[in-house]
Every structure is written in C-alpha cells, then in structure tokens.
PDB file of all heavy atoms in Angstrom:
ATOM      1  N   ARG A   1     -81.669  55.054 -17.815  1.00  0.00           N
ATOM      2  CA  ARG A   1     -81.028  53.732 -17.810  1.00  0.00           C
ATOM      3  C   ARG A   1     -81.994  52.653 -18.285  1.00  0.00           C
ATOM      4  O   ARG A   1     -81.582  51.698 -18.950  1.00  0.00           O
ATOM      5  CB  ARG A   1     -80.515  53.387 -16.409  1.00  0.00           C
ATOM      6  CG  ARG A   1     -79.295  54.175 -15.951  1.00  0.00           C
ATOM      7  CD  ARG A   1     -78.731  53.608 -14.651  1.00  0.00           C
ATOM      8  NE  ARG A   1     -79.711  53.639 -13.576  1.00  0.00           N
ATOM      9  CZ  ARG A   1     -79.900  54.671 -12.761  1.00  0.00           C
ATOM     10  NH1 ARG A   1     -79.185  55.773 -12.916  1.00  0.00           N
ATOM     11  NH2 ARG A   1     -80.789  54.626 -11.790  1.00  0.00           N
ATOM     12  N   ALA A   2     -83.272  52.805 -17.934  1.00  0.00           N
ATOM     13  CA  ALA A   2     -84.259  51.794 -18.347  1.00  0.00           C
ATOM     14  C   ALA A   2     -84.373  51.750 -19.870  1.00  0.00           C
ATOM     15  O   ALA A   2     -84.416  50.666 -20.470  1.00  0.00           O
ATOM     16  CB  ALA A   2     -85.611  52.095 -17.712  1.00  0.00           C
ATOM     17  N   ALA A   3     -84.415  52.921 -20.508  1.00  0.00           N
ATOM     18  CA  ALA A   3     -84.507  52.968 -21.967  1.00  0.00           C
ATOM     19  C   ALA A   3     -83.236  52.408 -22.611  1.00  0.00           C
ATOM     20  O   ALA A   3     -83.297  51.692 -23.625  1.00  0.00           O
ATOM     21  CB  ALA A   3     -84.757  54.400 -22.428  1.00  0.00           C
ATOM     22  N   ARG A   4     -82.080  52.731 -22.032  1.00  0.00           N
ATOM     23  CA  ARG A   4     -80.825  52.204 -22.583  1.00  0.00           C
ATOM     24  C   ARG A   4     -80.766  50.691 -22.434  1.00  0.00           C
ATOM     25  O   ARG A   4     -80.269  49.988 -23.320  1.00  0.00           O
ATOM     26  CB  ARG A   4     -79.627  52.847 -21.876  1.00  0.00           C
ATOM     27  CG  ARG A   4     -79.491  54.331 -22.131  1.00  0.00           C
ATOM     28  CD  ARG A   4     -78.058  54.812 -21.899  1.00  0.00           C
ATOM     29  NE  ARG A   4     -77.516  54.406 -20.621  1.00  0.00           N
ATOM     30  CZ  ARG A   4     -77.665  55.088 -19.485  1.00  0.00           C
ATOM     31  NH1 ARG A   4     -78.351  56.225 -19.476  1.00  0.00           N
ATOM     32  NH2 ARG A   4     -77.127  54.669 -18.361  1.00  0.00           N
ATOM     33  N   LEU A   5     -81.266  50.175 -21.301  1.00  0.00           N
ATOM     34  CA  LEU A   5     -81.276  48.728 -21.101  1.00  0.00           C
ATOM     35  C   LEU A   5     -82.137  48.047 -22.161  1.00  0.00           C
ATOM     36  O   LEU A   5     -81.759  46.998 -22.698  1.00  0.00           O
ATOM     37  CB  LEU A   5     -81.799  48.403 -19.697  1.00  0.00           C
ATOM     38  CG  LEU A   5     -81.871  46.917 -19.326  1.00  0.00           C
ATOM     39  CD1 LEU A   5     -80.484  46.293 -19.338  1.00  0.00           C
ATOM     40  CD2 LEU A   5     -82.527  46.744 -17.955  1.00  0.00           C
ATOM     41  N   ARG A   6     -83.292  48.639 -22.489  1.00  0.00           N
ATOM     42  CA  ARG A   6     -84.166  48.052 -23.518  1.00  0.00           C
ATOM     43  C   ARG A   6     -83.470  48.001 -24.872  1.00  0.00           C
ATOM     44  O   ARG A   6     -83.624  47.031 -25.625  1.00  0.00           O
ATOM     45  CB  ARG A   6     -85.457  48.867 -23.629  1.00  0.00           C
ATOM     46  CG  ARG A   6     -86.328  48.853 -22.394  1.00  0.00           C
ATOM     47  CD  ARG A   6     -87.636  49.598 -22.625  1.00  0.00           C
ATOM     48  NE  ARG A   6     -88.268  49.935 -21.355  1.00  0.00           N
ATOM     49  CZ  ARG A   6     -88.281  51.147 -20.813  1.00  0.00           C
ATOM     50  NH1 ARG A   6     -87.709  52.158 -21.461  1.00  0.00           N
ATOM     51  NH2 ARG A   6     -88.865  51.359 -19.657  1.00  0.00           N
ATOM     52  N   ARG A   7     -82.697  49.054 -25.178  1.00  0.00           N
ATOM     53  CA  ARG A   7     -82.017  49.100 -26.476  1.00  0.00           C
ATOM     54  C   ARG A   7     -80.850  48.121 -26.536  1.00  0.00           C
ATOM     55  O   ARG A   7     -80.660  47.440 -27.552  1.00  0.00           O
ATOM     56  CB  ARG A   7     -81.497  50.512 -26.754  1.00  0.00           C
ATOM     57  CG  ARG A   7     -82.569  51.552 -27.007  1.00  0.00           C
ATOM     58  CD  ARG A   7     -81.969  52.813 -27.634  1.00  0.00           C
ATOM     59  NE  ARG A   7     -80.889  53.371 -26.838  1.00  0.00           N
ATOM     60  CZ  ARG A   7     -81.063  54.282 -25.877  1.00  0.00           C
ATOM     61  NH1 ARG A   7     -82.286  54.729 -25.603  1.00  0.00           N
ATOM     62  NH2 ARG A   7     -80.036  54.746 -25.186  1.00  0.00           N
ATOM     63  N   ARG A   8     -80.087  48.050 -25.470  1.00  0.00           N
ATOM     64  CA  ARG A   8     -78.852  47.279 -25.511  1.00  0.00           C
ATOM     65  C   ARG A   8     -79.032  45.820 -25.133  1.00  0.00           C
ATOM     66  O   ARG A   8     -78.269  44.959 -25.563  1.00  0.00           O
ATOM     67  CB  ARG A   8     -77.812  47.936 -24.601  1.00  0.00           C
ATOM     68  CG  ARG A   8     -77.466  49.347 -25.078  1.00  0.00           C
ATOM     69  CD  ARG A   8     -76.527  50.080 -24.147  1.00  0.00           C
ATOM     70  NE  ARG A   8     -76.283  51.434 -24.616  1.00  0.00           N
ATOM     71  CZ  ARG A   8     -75.520  52.318 -24.004  1.00  0.00           C
ATOM     72  NH1 ARG A   8     -74.894  51.976 -22.878  1.00  0.00           N
ATOM     73  NH2 ARG A   8     -75.357  53.521 -24.494  1.00  0.00           N
ATOM     74  N   SER A   9     -80.033  45.536 -24.292  1.00  0.00           N
ATOM     75  CA  SER A   9     -80.323  44.151 -23.895  1.00  0.00           C
ATOM     76  C   SER A   9     -81.836  43.985 -23.857  1.00  0.00           C
ATOM     77  O   SER A   9     -82.452  44.066 -22.785  1.00  0.00           O
ATOM     78  CB  SER A   9     -79.706  43.832 -22.528  1.00  0.00           C
ATOM     79  OG  SER A   9     -78.315  44.061 -22.519  1.00  0.00           O
ATOM     80  N   PRO A  10     -82.461  43.780 -25.019  1.00  0.00           N
ATOM     81  CA  PRO A  10     -83.933  43.734 -25.098  1.00  0.00           C
ATOM     82  C   PRO A  10     -84.580  42.742 -24.131  1.00  0.00           C
ATOM     83  O   PRO A  10     -85.607  43.057 -23.533  1.00  0.00           O
ATOM     84  CB  PRO A  10     -84.197  43.346 -26.555  1.00  0.00           C
ATOM     85  CG  PRO A  10     -82.995  43.849 -27.293  1.00  0.00           C
ATOM     86  CD  PRO A  10     -81.850  43.648 -26.356  1.00  0.00           C
ATOM     87  N   MET A  11     -83.990  41.561 -23.954  1.00  0.00           N
ATOM     88  CA  MET A  11     -84.582  40.571 -23.059  1.00  0.00           C
ATOM     89  C   MET A  11     -84.534  41.061 -21.611  1.00  0.00           C
ATOM     90  O   MET A  11     -85.531  40.949 -20.879  1.00  0.00           O
ATOM     91  CB  MET A  11     -83.868  39.227 -23.193  1.00  0.00           C
ATOM     92  CG  MET A  11     -84.107  38.528 -24.525  1.00  0.00           C
ATOM     93  SD  MET A  11     -83.323  36.899 -24.591  1.00  0.00           S
ATOM     94  CE  MET A  11     -84.198  36.048 -23.289  1.00  0.00           C
ATOM     95  N   ALA A  12     -83.389  41.624 -21.201  1.00  0.00           N
ATOM     96  CA  ALA A  12     -83.279  42.149 -19.843  1.00  0.00           C
ATOM     97  C   ALA A  12     -84.221  43.327 -19.657  1.00  0.00           C
ATOM     98  O   ALA A  12     -84.846  43.485 -18.594  1.00  0.00           O
ATOM     99  CB  ALA A  12     -81.842  42.572 -19.559  1.00  0.00           C
ATOM    100  N   GLY A  13     -84.355  44.160 -20.676  1.00  0.00           N
ATOM    101  CA  GLY A  13     -85.270  45.297 -20.608  1.00  0.00           C
ATOM    102  C   GLY A  13     -86.717  44.856 -20.465  1.00  0.00           C
ATOM    103  O   GLY A  13     -87.482  45.438 -19.682  1.00  0.00           O
ATOM    104  N   ALA A  14     -87.085  43.817 -21.202  1.00  0.00           N
ATOM    105  CA  ALA A  14     -88.459  43.295 -21.127  1.00  0.00           C
ATOM    106  C   ALA A  14     -88.726  42.707 -19.736  1.00  0.00           C
ATOM    107  O   ALA A  14     -89.812  42.890 -19.170  1.00  0.00           O
ATOM    108  CB  ALA A  14     -88.668  42.237 -22.199  1.00  0.00           C
ATOM    109  N   ALA A  15     -87.735  42.017 -19.187  1.00  0.00           N
ATOM    110  CA  ALA A  15     -87.896  41.446 -17.847  1.00  0.00           C
ATOM    111  C   ALA A  15     -88.045  42.557 -16.812  1.00  0.00           C
ATOM    112  O   ALA A  15     -88.883  42.470 -15.897  1.00  0.00           O
ATOM    113  CB  ALA A  15     -86.696  40.563 -17.516  1.00  0.00           C
ATOM    114  N   HIS A  16     -87.248  43.604 -16.947  1.00  0.00           N
ATOM    115  CA  HIS A  16     -87.330  44.748 -16.030  1.00  0.00           C
ATOM    116  C   HIS A  16     -88.731  45.366 -16.084  1.00  0.00           C
ATOM    117  O   HIS A  16     -89.357  45.629 -15.048  1.00  0.00           O
ATOM    118  CB  HIS A  16     -86.270  45.780 -16.414  1.00  0.00           C
ATOM    119  CG  HIS A  16     -86.408  47.102 -15.714  1.00  0.00           C
ATOM    120  ND1 HIS A  16     -87.196  48.131 -16.214  1.00  0.00           N
ATOM    121  CD2 HIS A  16     -85.884  47.563 -14.553  1.00  0.00           C
ATOM    122  CE1 HIS A  16     -87.141  49.154 -15.387  1.00  0.00           C
ATOM    123  NE2 HIS A  16     -86.354  48.842 -14.375  1.00  0.00           N
ATOM    124  N   ASP A  17     -89.251  45.586 -17.289  1.00  0.00           N
ATOM    125  CA  ASP A  17     -90.563  46.209 -17.434  1.00  0.00           C
ATOM    126  C   ASP A  17     -91.674  45.315 -16.873  1.00  0.00           C
ATOM    127  O   ASP A  17     -92.645  45.808 -16.290  1.00  0.00           O
ATOM    128  CB  ASP A  17     -90.839  46.505 -18.906  1.00  0.00           C
ATOM    129  CG  ASP A  17     -89.924  47.599 -19.451  1.00  0.00           C
ATOM    130  OD1 ASP A  17     -89.316  48.316 -18.637  1.00  0.00           O
ATOM    131  OD2 ASP A  17     -89.813  47.724 -20.687  1.00  0.00           O
ATOM    132  N   ALA A  18     -91.515  43.990 -17.037  1.00  0.00           N
ATOM    133  CA  ALA A  18     -92.514  43.058 -16.516  1.00  0.00           C
ATOM    134  C   ALA A  18     -92.562  43.098 -14.992  1.00  0.00           C
ATOM    135  O   ALA A  18     -93.641  43.084 -14.380  1.00  0.00           O
ATOM    136  CB  ALA A  18     -92.214  41.640 -17.005  1.00  0.00           C
ATOM    137  N   VAL A  19     -91.397  43.170 -14.371  1.00  0.00           N
ATOM    138  CA  VAL A  19     -91.351  43.236 -12.911  1.00  0.00           C
ATOM    139  C   VAL A  19     -91.954  44.553 -12.418  1.00  0.00           C
ATOM    140  O   VAL A  19     -92.687  44.581 -11.419  1.00  0.00           O
ATOM    141  CB  VAL A  19     -89.901  43.060 -12.406  1.00  0.00           C
ATOM    142  CG1 VAL A  19     -89.834  43.274 -10.899  1.00  0.00           C
ATOM    143  CG2 VAL A  19     -89.374  41.681 -12.766  1.00  0.00           C
ATOM    144  N   ILE A  20     -91.652  45.641 -13.102  1.00  0.00           N
ATOM    145  CA  ILE A  20     -92.224  46.940 -12.730  1.00  0.00           C
ATOM    146  C   ILE A  20     -93.747  46.877 -12.781  1.00  0.00           C
ATOM    147  O   ILE A  20     -94.454  47.331 -11.861  1.00  0.00           O
ATOM    148  CB  ILE A  20     -91.714  48.052 -13.672  1.00  0.00           C
ATOM    149  CG1 ILE A  20     -90.236  48.365 -13.393  1.00  0.00           C
ATOM    150  CG2 ILE A  20     -92.556  49.315 -13.532  1.00  0.00           C
ATOM    151  CD1 ILE A  20     -89.966  49.118 -12.126  1.00  0.00           C
ATOM    152  N   SER A  21     -94.280  46.322 -13.860  1.00  0.00           N
ATOM    153  CA  SER A  21     -95.741  46.205 -14.007  1.00  0.00           C
ATOM    154  C   SER A  21     -96.341  45.348 -12.900  1.00  0.00           C
ATOM    155  O   SER A  21     -97.398  45.673 -12.343  1.00  0.00           O
ATOM    156  CB  SER A  21     -96.081  45.606 -15.384  1.00  0.00           C
ATOM    157  OG  SER A  21     -95.644  46.459 -16.417  1.00  0.00           O
ATOM    158  N   ALA A  22     -95.656  44.250 -12.554  1.00  0.00           N
ATOM    159  CA  ALA A  22     -96.157  43.373 -11.494  1.00  0.00           C
ATOM    160  C   ALA A  22     -96.149  44.092 -10.149  1.00  0.00           C
ATOM    161  O   ALA A  22     -97.090  43.976  -9.353  1.00  0.00           O
ATOM    162  CB  ALA A  22     -95.296  42.106 -11.428  1.00  0.00           C
ATOM    163  N   CYS A  23     -95.088  44.864  -9.887  1.00  0.00           N
ATOM    164  CA  CYS A  23     -95.001  45.605  -8.626  1.00  0.00           C
ATOM    165  C   CYS A  23     -96.134  46.627  -8.511  1.00  0.00           C
ATOM    166  O   CYS A  23     -96.740  46.779  -7.445  1.00  0.00           O
ATOM    167  CB  CYS A  23     -93.658  46.318  -8.523  1.00  0.00           C
ATOM    168  SG  CYS A  23     -92.244  45.211  -8.308  1.00  0.00           S
ATOM    169  N   LYS A  24     -96.424  47.302  -9.596  1.00  0.00           N
ATOM    170  CA  LYS A  24     -97.498  48.296  -9.572  1.00  0.00           C
ATOM    171  C   LYS A  24     -98.854  47.632  -9.360  1.00  0.00           C
ATOM    172  O   LYS A  24     -99.710  48.143  -8.632  1.00  0.00           O
ATOM    173  CB  LYS A  24     -97.488  49.111 -10.866  1.00  0.00           C
ATOM    174  CG  LYS A  24     -96.256  50.000 -11.015  1.00  0.00           C
ATOM    175  CD  LYS A  24     -96.284  50.788 -12.311  1.00  0.00           C
ATOM    176  CE  LYS A  24     -97.267  51.948 -12.230  1.00  0.00           C
ATOM    177  NZ  LYS A  24     -96.830  52.975 -11.288  1.00  0.00           N
ATOM    178  N   ALA A  25     -99.034  46.463 -10.002  1.00  0.00           N
ATOM    179  CA  ALA A  25    -100.312  45.757  -9.863  1.00  0.00           C
ATOM    180  C   ALA A  25    -100.499  45.232  -8.437  1.00  0.00           C
ATOM    181  O   ALA A  25    -101.578  45.370  -7.853  1.00  0.00           O
ATOM    182  CB  ALA A  25    -100.378  44.608 -10.869  1.00  0.00           C
ATOM    183  N   LEU A  26     -99.432  44.655  -7.882  1.00  0.00           N
ATOM    184  CA  LEU A  26     -99.525  44.065  -6.547  1.00  0.00           C
ATOM    185  C   LEU A  26     -99.729  45.107  -5.457  1.00  0.00           C
ATOM    186  O   LEU A  26    -100.291  44.811  -4.403  1.00  0.00           O
ATOM    187  CB  LEU A  26     -98.278  43.238  -6.255  1.00  0.00           C
ATOM    188  CG  LEU A  26     -98.129  41.940  -7.067  1.00  0.00           C
ATOM    189  CD1 LEU A  26     -96.758  41.331  -6.849  1.00  0.00           C
ATOM    190  CD2 LEU A  26     -99.223  40.940  -6.674  1.00  0.00           C
ATOM    191  N   THR A  27     -99.241  46.333  -5.688  1.00  0.00           N
ATOM    192  CA  THR A  27     -99.370  47.401  -4.682  1.00  0.00           C
ATOM    193  C   THR A  27    -100.466  48.392  -5.055  1.00  0.00           C
ATOM    194  O   THR A  27    -100.564  49.450  -4.431  1.00  0.00           O
ATOM    195  CB  THR A  27     -98.034  48.146  -4.508  1.00  0.00           C
ATOM    196  OG1 THR A  27     -97.670  48.768  -5.750  1.00  0.00           O
ATOM    197  CG2 THR A  27     -96.941  47.199  -4.059  1.00  0.00           C
ATOM    198  N   PHE A  28    -101.275  48.031  -6.081  1.00  0.00           N
ATOM    199  CA  PHE A  28    -102.364  48.902  -6.539  1.00  0.00           C
ATOM    200  C   PHE A  28    -101.863  50.308  -6.871  1.00  0.00           C
ATOM    201  O   PHE A  28    -102.527  51.317  -6.617  1.00  0.00           O
ATOM    202  CB  PHE A  28    -103.477  48.972  -5.483  1.00  0.00           C
ATOM    203  CG  PHE A  28    -104.067  47.639  -5.137  1.00  0.00           C
ATOM    204  CD1 PHE A  28    -103.644  46.946  -4.003  1.00  0.00           C
ATOM    205  CD2 PHE A  28    -105.012  47.035  -5.968  1.00  0.00           C
ATOM    206  CE1 PHE A  28    -104.174  45.702  -3.694  1.00  0.00           C
ATOM    207  CE2 PHE A  28    -105.548  45.785  -5.656  1.00  0.00           C
ATOM    208  CZ  PHE A  28    -105.133  45.121  -4.518  1.00  0.00           C
ATOM    209  N   GLY A  29    -100.649  50.336  -7.448  1.00  0.00           N
ATOM    210  CA  GLY A  29    -100.087  51.595  -7.910  1.00  0.00           C
ATOM    211  C   GLY A  29     -99.490  52.464  -6.821  1.00  0.00           C
ATOM    212  O   GLY A  29     -99.045  53.584  -7.100  1.00  0.00           O
ATOM    213  N   ARG A  30     -99.456  51.966  -5.583  1.00  0.00           N
ATOM    214  CA  ARG A  30     -98.959  52.804  -4.482  1.00  0.00           C
ATOM    215  C   ARG A  30     -97.432  52.864  -4.421  1.00  0.00           C
ATOM    216  O   ARG A  30     -96.886  53.782  -3.826  1.00  0.00           O
ATOM    217  CB  ARG A  30     -99.512  52.295  -3.146  1.00  0.00           C
ATOM    218  CG  ARG A  30    -101.003  52.558  -2.956  1.00  0.00           C
ATOM    219  CD  ARG A  30    -101.414  52.323  -1.513  1.00  0.00           C
ATOM    220  NE  ARG A  30    -101.313  50.923  -1.146  1.00  0.00           N
ATOM    221  CZ  ARG A  30    -102.308  50.045  -1.260  1.00  0.00           C
ATOM    222  NH1 ARG A  30    -103.477  50.432  -1.745  1.00  0.00           N
ATOM    223  NH2 ARG A  30    -102.147  48.784  -0.890  1.00  0.00           N
ATOM    224  N   TRP A  31     -96.753  51.866  -4.997  1.00  0.00           N
ATOM    225  CA  TRP A  31     -95.293  51.869  -4.984  1.00  0.00           C
ATOM    226  C   TRP A  31     -94.780  52.324  -6.339  1.00  0.00           C
ATOM    227  O   TRP A  31     -95.013  51.671  -7.358  1.00  0.00           O
ATOM    228  CB  TRP A  31     -94.766  50.468  -4.673  1.00  0.00           C
ATOM    229  CG  TRP A  31     -93.257  50.376  -4.681  1.00  0.00           C
ATOM    230  CD1 TRP A  31     -92.365  51.378  -4.399  1.00  0.00           C
ATOM    231  CD2 TRP A  31     -92.467  49.220  -5.000  1.00  0.00           C
ATOM    232  NE1 TRP A  31     -91.071  50.926  -4.511  1.00  0.00           N
ATOM    233  CE2 TRP A  31     -91.101  49.597  -4.873  1.00  0.00           C
ATOM    234  CE3 TRP A  31     -92.781  47.908  -5.351  1.00  0.00           C
ATOM    235  CZ2 TRP A  31     -90.066  48.709  -5.111  1.00  0.00           C
ATOM    236  CZ3 TRP A  31     -91.741  47.021  -5.579  1.00  0.00           C
ATOM    237  CH2 TRP A  31     -90.400  47.420  -5.454  1.00  0.00           C
ATOM    238  N   GLY A  32     -94.080  53.442  -6.360  1.00  0.00           N
ATOM    239  CA  GLY A  32     -93.480  53.928  -7.600  1.00  0.00           C
ATOM    240  C   GLY A  32     -92.163  53.220  -7.864  1.00  0.00           C
ATOM    241  O   GLY A  32     -91.093  53.847  -7.816  1.00  0.00           O
ATOM    242  N   ALA A  33     -92.239  51.934  -8.158  1.00  0.00           N
ATOM    243  CA  ALA A  33     -91.029  51.126  -8.326  1.00  0.00           C
ATOM    244  C   ALA A  33     -90.169  51.608  -9.474  1.00  0.00           C
ATOM    245  O   ALA A  33     -88.958  51.377  -9.499  1.00  0.00           O
ATOM    246  CB  ALA A  33     -91.421  49.662  -8.549  1.00  0.00           C
TER     247      ALA A  33
END
C-alpha cells in the first residue's frame, strides 16, 4: 500500500515516508512503524 500511495498520490506518499523516518529517528529505530 505504501508503494501504491507513492505512485497514486506522490505528496501523500512523501508525507507518509517523512513521518516514518521521524518515528524511527525519535525511537532510535526501536519502533517498526
């Protein structure tokens, strides 16, 4: 679904990926968001 979101709604896909990266950084990689 994440890959399909990037293809069909690039802005929403980019926002999703940014939040995922922030979650991993804030939890030092402990949360597999």
